[in-house]
Amino acid sequence: MKEEELHIPMQQINNRIDQTASSPNLVVSLWNYRRYIAAVALILIVSGVFYYLSVPSMHTESRMVYVVEMNQSKDSVKTVILPDGSQVWLSNNTTLKYPSGFADESRRVELSGKAFFQVEHDPGRPFTVCTENNVVEVLGTAFSVNTEYAGQITETILLNGTVRIKRQGGDSGVILHPGQQALYDSGTRSLEINEVDAATLTAWRLGIISLHAASVCSIVELLEELYAVRLEINMESLKEKRYNFSFKPTKGIEAAIGQLQLITGKQINILPVE
């Protein structure tokens, strides 16, 4: 085909393109399309901002660190340093949840299990321990929380300072003072306050097992389970008696038996395990 013959069709195509580009309908369509794109973008931006503000827990959750103390032994303890310098001692089978950095206005952690807290004093940022059933609020103090105390009861023991105990989403709560134990029953929604030997009952964090008002039978059973032994002791005259018994498992069975013999006045023998 000659060049002159190609020129005519190409000219016709160019004319059609020029006519289409100058069409008012197309200009309106392009304008509407741009408005549509802008509207969609605005909706996405607004939706994203609203979602971020309305679901803060998810964004907080993404910064959370989980510390789990595995059930290695009954006397296992793990020490955790929180972002503000506060220390936490975790007992076995305990989970502590805390952020990589505390907010400017508060310090909040979540606990399941048993832990002792030594909280750095910071009046401008209250420290809060949240469990499934209640909340412990402090400024700077030393206390323990045990969510597996017995049944539906959560135990809090205050060594020093001041804490406030309240139900999850509940009222203003009750102030706890040093040497007091709070037992919150989630079933009856009742709170019992007792005077206790807080130093002894929180000594577990130091690797010491302490029993309060325990029978000789329960002490012997604990020692037998812990050291995998069988013990022989005449408990006939000891059935109604209760003892505070503390010992360090790492010192061995002989040290524990010697201490129990001292407080009961009874001879204790180690029997062969069958």
Protein backbone atom coordinates (compact mmCIF):
# COMPACT_ATOMS: atom_id res chain seq x y z
CA MET A 1 0.00 0.00 0.00
CA LYS A 2 1.25 3.45 -0.91
CA GLU A 3 1.99 6.17 1.66
CA GLU A 4 -0.81 8.37 0.23
CA GLU A 5 -3.33 5.55 0.82
CA LEU A 6 -2.22 5.18 4.47
CA HIS A 7 -2.53 8.90 5.11
CA ILE A 8 -6.32 9.03 4.66
CA PRO A 9 -7.31 6.42 7.30
CA MET A 10 -4.83 7.80 9.84
CA GLN A 11 -6.21 11.28 9.36
CA GLN A 12 -9.72 9.99 9.96
CA ILE A 13 -8.64 8.28 13.22
CA ASN A 14 -6.96 11.47 14.45
CA ASN A 15 -10.08 13.47 13.70
CA ARG A 16 -12.20 11.07 15.75
CA ILE A 17 -9.83 11.29 18.72
CA ASP A 18 -9.91 15.09 18.61
CA GLN A 19 -13.69 15.08 18.50
CA THR A 20 -13.93 12.68 21.47
CA ALA A 21 -11.45 14.65 23.60
CA SER A 22 -13.39 17.84 23.03
CA SER A 23 -16.69 16.16 23.89
CA PRO A 24 -18.37 17.80 26.95
CA ASN A 25 -19.75 14.41 27.99
CA LEU A 26 -16.25 13.00 28.40
CA VAL A 27 -15.10 16.00 30.41
CA VAL A 28 -18.02 15.50 32.77
CA SER A 29 -17.27 11.77 33.04
CA LEU A 30 -13.63 12.41 33.89
CA TRP A 31 -14.64 14.98 36.50
CA ASN A 32 -17.12 12.58 38.06
CA TYR A 33 -14.51 9.82 38.09
CA ARG A 34 -12.01 12.02 39.90
CA ARG A 35 -14.66 12.99 42.45
CA TYR A 36 -15.48 9.33 42.98
CA ILE A 37 -11.84 8.42 43.59
CA ALA A 38 -11.44 11.30 46.05
CA ALA A 39 -14.60 10.28 47.92
CA VAL A 40 -13.45 6.65 48.22
CA ALA A 41 -10.04 7.75 49.49
CA LEU A 42 -11.65 10.03 52.08
CA ILE A 43 -13.92 7.23 53.31
CA LEU A 44 -10.95 4.88 53.69
CA ILE A 45 -8.95 7.46 55.63
CA VAL A 46 -11.82 8.35 57.96
CA SER A 47 -12.65 4.67 58.51
CA GLY A 48 -9.04 3.92 59.35
CA VAL A 49 -8.81 6.74 61.89
CA PHE A 50 -12.14 5.77 63.50
CA TYR A 51 -11.04 2.12 63.74
CA TYR A 52 -7.72 3.07 65.32
CA LEU A 53 -9.39 5.28 67.92
CA SER A 54 -12.30 2.95 68.69
CA VAL A 55 -10.21 -0.23 69.16
CA PRO A 56 -7.18 0.91 71.17
CA SER A 57 -6.82 -2.42 72.94
CA MET A 58 -5.83 -4.17 69.75
CA HIS A 59 -3.03 -1.70 69.12
CA THR A 60 -1.96 -1.95 72.73
CA GLU A 61 -2.11 -5.72 72.37
CA SER A 62 0.34 -5.62 69.49
CA ARG A 63 2.92 -4.15 71.89
CA MET A 64 2.30 -6.61 74.68
CA VAL A 65 4.91 -9.03 75.91
CA TYR A 66 3.92 -12.35 77.47
CA VAL A 67 6.03 -13.85 80.22
CA VAL A 68 5.13 -17.41 81.21
CA GLU A 69 6.71 -19.35 84.07
CA MET A 70 6.47 -23.00 83.14
CA ASN A 71 5.45 -25.58 85.74
CA GLN A 72 8.96 -26.93 86.28
CA SER A 73 8.70 -27.47 90.02
CA LYS A 74 6.66 -26.25 92.96
CA ASP A 75 9.40 -23.87 94.11
CA SER A 76 10.37 -22.41 90.73
CA VAL A 77 10.48 -18.60 90.58
CA LYS A 78 11.15 -16.22 87.70
CA THR A 79 12.06 -12.55 88.15
CA VAL A 80 10.84 -9.97 85.61
CA ILE A 81 11.90 -6.32 85.34
CA LEU A 82 9.09 -4.11 84.01
CA PRO A 83 9.68 -1.06 81.76
CA ASP A 84 9.43 1.34 84.75
CA GLY A 85 11.96 -0.62 86.81
CA SER A 86 9.37 -2.42 88.96
CA GLN A 87 10.21 -6.04 89.79
CA VAL A 88 7.89 -9.03 89.64
CA TRP A 89 8.53 -12.52 90.98
CA LEU A 90 6.46 -15.17 89.20
CA SER A 91 5.59 -18.50 90.78
CA ASN A 92 5.21 -21.64 88.70
CA ASN A 93 2.24 -21.88 86.33
CA THR A 94 1.89 -18.09 86.18
CA THR A 95 1.39 -15.72 83.24
CA LEU A 96 2.19 -12.01 83.37
CA LYS A 97 1.18 -9.70 80.53
CA TYR A 98 2.65 -6.19 80.22
CA PRO A 99 3.44 -3.60 77.52
CA SER A 100 6.92 -2.91 76.19
CA GLY A 101 6.44 0.66 77.41
CA PHE A 102 3.95 2.09 79.90
CA ALA A 103 1.67 4.99 78.98
CA ASP A 104 2.28 8.50 80.34
CA GLU A 105 -0.72 8.38 82.67
CA SER A 106 -0.81 4.78 83.93
CA ARG A 107 0.99 1.46 84.34
CA ARG A 108 -1.17 -1.61 83.71
CA VAL A 109 -0.34 -5.34 83.76
CA GLU A 110 -2.46 -8.50 83.64
CA LEU A 111 -1.87 -11.53 85.83
CA SER A 112 -2.99 -15.13 85.95
CA GLY A 113 -1.41 -17.20 88.71
CA LYS A 114 0.76 -16.09 91.61
CA ALA A 115 3.19 -13.16 91.65
CA PHE A 116 4.92 -10.76 94.04
CA PHE A 117 5.29 -7.11 92.96
CA GLN A 118 7.87 -4.55 94.08
CA VAL A 119 6.52 -1.42 92.41
CA GLU A 120 8.57 1.72 91.72
CA HIS A 121 6.96 4.79 93.31
CA ASP A 122 5.44 7.09 90.70
CA PRO A 123 2.44 9.14 91.98
CA GLY A 124 1.70 10.46 88.50
CA ARG A 125 1.26 6.97 87.05
CA PRO A 126 -0.75 4.56 89.22
CA PHE A 127 0.20 0.88 88.88
CA THR A 128 -2.66 -1.53 88.24
CA VAL A 129 -2.70 -5.34 88.36
CA CYS A 130 -5.72 -6.76 86.54
CA THR A 131 -6.89 -10.32 87.13
CA GLU A 132 -9.95 -12.09 85.80
CA ASN A 133 -12.02 -11.14 88.85
CA ASN A 134 -10.57 -8.04 90.47
CA VAL A 135 -8.18 -5.09 90.16
CA VAL A 136 -5.34 -4.05 92.49
CA GLU A 137 -4.36 -0.37 92.27
CA VAL A 138 -1.12 0.95 93.81
CA LEU A 139 1.37 3.81 93.60
CA GLY A 140 4.52 2.26 95.02
CA THR A 141 4.47 -0.77 97.26
CA ALA A 142 5.24 -4.48 97.74
CA PHE A 143 2.46 -7.03 97.58
CA SER A 144 1.49 -10.44 96.20
CA VAL A 145 -1.50 -11.52 94.12
CA ASN A 146 -2.63 -15.12 93.73
CA THR A 147 -5.50 -15.91 91.35
CA GLU A 148 -5.24 -19.65 92.13
CA TYR A 149 -5.58 -19.41 95.92
CA ALA A 150 -8.62 -21.71 96.22
CA GLY A 151 -11.65 -22.18 94.02
CA GLN A 152 -12.97 -18.82 92.86
CA ILE A 153 -10.94 -16.84 95.40
CA THR A 154 -8.24 -14.30 94.48
CA GLU A 155 -5.76 -13.52 97.26
CA THR A 156 -3.88 -10.26 97.75
CA ILE A 157 -1.29 -9.83 100.54
CA LEU A 158 0.23 -6.42 101.27
CA LEU A 159 3.79 -6.32 102.62
CA ASN A 160 4.19 -2.53 102.65
CA GLY A 161 2.56 0.55 101.13
CA THR A 162 -1.12 0.85 100.31
CA VAL A 163 -3.31 -0.83 97.69
CA ARG A 164 -6.94 -0.65 96.69
CA ILE A 165 -8.87 -3.85 95.88
CA LYS A 166 -11.97 -3.67 93.68
CA ARG A 167 -14.02 -5.86 91.38
CA GLN A 168 -13.48 -5.75 87.64
CA GLY A 169 -15.65 -2.84 86.48
CA GLY A 170 -16.86 -2.46 90.05
CA ASP A 171 -17.01 0.18 92.76
CA SER A 172 -14.28 2.19 94.46
CA GLY A 173 -13.14 -0.87 96.39
CA VAL A 174 -11.41 -1.39 99.76
CA ILE A 175 -8.07 -0.04 100.98
CA LEU A 176 -5.59 -2.69 102.14
CA HIS A 177 -2.90 -1.91 104.74
CA PRO A 178 0.46 -3.63 105.44
CA GLY A 179 0.09 -7.05 107.06
CA GLN A 180 -3.39 -7.62 105.65
CA GLN A 181 -4.70 -10.31 103.34
CA ALA A 182 -7.70 -9.76 101.05
CA LEU A 183 -9.67 -12.78 99.83
CA TYR A 184 -12.11 -11.91 97.04
CA ASP A 185 -14.69 -14.58 96.18
CA SER A 186 -15.96 -14.02 92.63
CA GLY A 187 -18.80 -16.48 93.24
CA THR A 188 -20.35 -14.65 96.18
CA ARG A 189 -18.76 -11.29 95.20
CA SER A 190 -17.58 -10.94 98.81
CA LEU A 191 -14.29 -9.57 100.15
CA GLU A 192 -12.70 -10.87 103.38
CA ILE A 193 -9.87 -8.98 105.10
CA ASN A 194 -7.50 -10.81 107.49
CA GLU A 195 -4.46 -9.86 109.55
CA VAL A 196 -1.56 -12.15 108.53
CA ASP A 197 2.21 -12.55 108.68
CA ALA A 198 2.81 -10.96 105.29
CA ALA A 199 6.59 -11.44 105.34
CA THR A 200 6.23 -15.17 105.85
CA LEU A 201 3.44 -15.65 103.31
CA THR A 202 5.36 -13.76 100.61
CA ALA A 203 8.72 -15.44 101.30
CA TRP A 204 8.16 -17.88 98.41
CA ARG A 205 9.76 -15.33 96.04
CA LEU A 206 13.03 -15.89 97.92
CA GLY A 207 12.85 -19.63 97.36
CA ILE A 208 11.26 -20.27 100.76
CA ILE A 209 8.10 -22.33 101.17
CA SER A 210 5.91 -21.08 104.01
CA LEU A 211 2.83 -22.77 105.42
CA HIS A 212 0.48 -20.87 107.72
CA ALA A 213 -1.59 -22.63 110.38
CA ALA A 214 -0.90 -25.98 108.73
CA SER A 215 -1.52 -29.41 110.22
CA VAL A 216 1.39 -31.80 110.69
CA CYS A 217 -0.29 -34.15 108.24
CA SER A 218 -0.31 -31.51 105.47
CA ILE A 219 3.31 -30.59 106.18
CA VAL A 220 4.40 -34.23 105.96
CA GLU A 221 2.46 -34.73 102.73
CA LEU A 222 4.13 -31.69 101.20
CA LEU A 223 7.61 -32.91 102.15
CA GLU A 224 6.90 -36.40 100.83
CA GLU A 225 5.70 -35.05 97.49
CA LEU A 226 8.49 -32.50 97.16
CA TYR A 227 11.36 -34.86 97.98
CA ALA A 228 9.75 -38.11 96.72
CA VAL A 229 10.15 -39.85 100.08
CA ARG A 230 7.99 -41.55 102.73
CA LEU A 231 8.07 -40.18 106.28
CA GLU A 232 7.14 -41.86 109.54
CA ILE A 233 5.94 -39.75 112.49
CA ASN A 234 3.60 -40.39 115.42
CA MET A 235 0.87 -37.80 114.87
CA GLU A 236 -1.61 -39.08 117.47
CA SER A 237 -1.15 -36.10 119.80
CA LEU A 238 -0.65 -33.60 116.97
CA LYS A 239 -3.91 -33.95 115.04
CA GLU A 240 -5.53 -30.80 116.41
CA LYS A 241 -2.41 -28.66 116.39
CA ARG A 242 -1.49 -26.11 113.70
CA TYR A 243 1.96 -24.77 112.84
CA ASN A 244 3.61 -22.04 110.81
CA PHE A 245 6.28 -23.93 108.93
CA SER A 246 8.86 -22.36 106.59
CA PHE A 247 11.79 -24.05 104.88
CA LYS A 248 14.06 -23.70 101.88
CA PRO A 249 13.71 -26.76 99.59
CA THR A 250 17.24 -26.37 98.24
CA LYS A 251 18.66 -27.21 101.70
CA GLY A 252 17.38 -30.78 101.37
CA ILE A 253 15.06 -33.17 103.18
CA GLU A 254 17.28 -33.55 106.25
CA ALA A 255 17.11 -29.83 107.04
CA ALA A 256 13.34 -29.77 106.59
CA ILE A 257 12.86 -32.83 108.81
CA GLY A 258 15.12 -31.38 111.47
CA GLN A 259 13.05 -28.21 111.56
CA LEU A 260 9.78 -30.14 111.77
CA GLN A 261 11.14 -32.32 114.60
CA LEU A 262 12.15 -29.17 116.46
CA ILE A 263 8.70 -27.58 116.42
CA THR A 264 6.72 -30.80 117.05
CA GLY A 265 9.07 -32.54 119.45
CA LYS A 266 8.54 -35.80 117.54
CA GLN A 267 11.03 -38.13 115.88
CA ILE A 268 10.68 -38.39 112.10
CA ASN A 269 12.12 -41.26 110.07
CA ILE A 270 12.65 -41.59 106.33
CA LEU A 271 11.24 -44.89 105.07
CA PRO A 272 12.34 -46.76 101.95
CA VAL A 273 10.21 -45.97 98.91
CA GLU A 274 8.53 -49.11 97.63
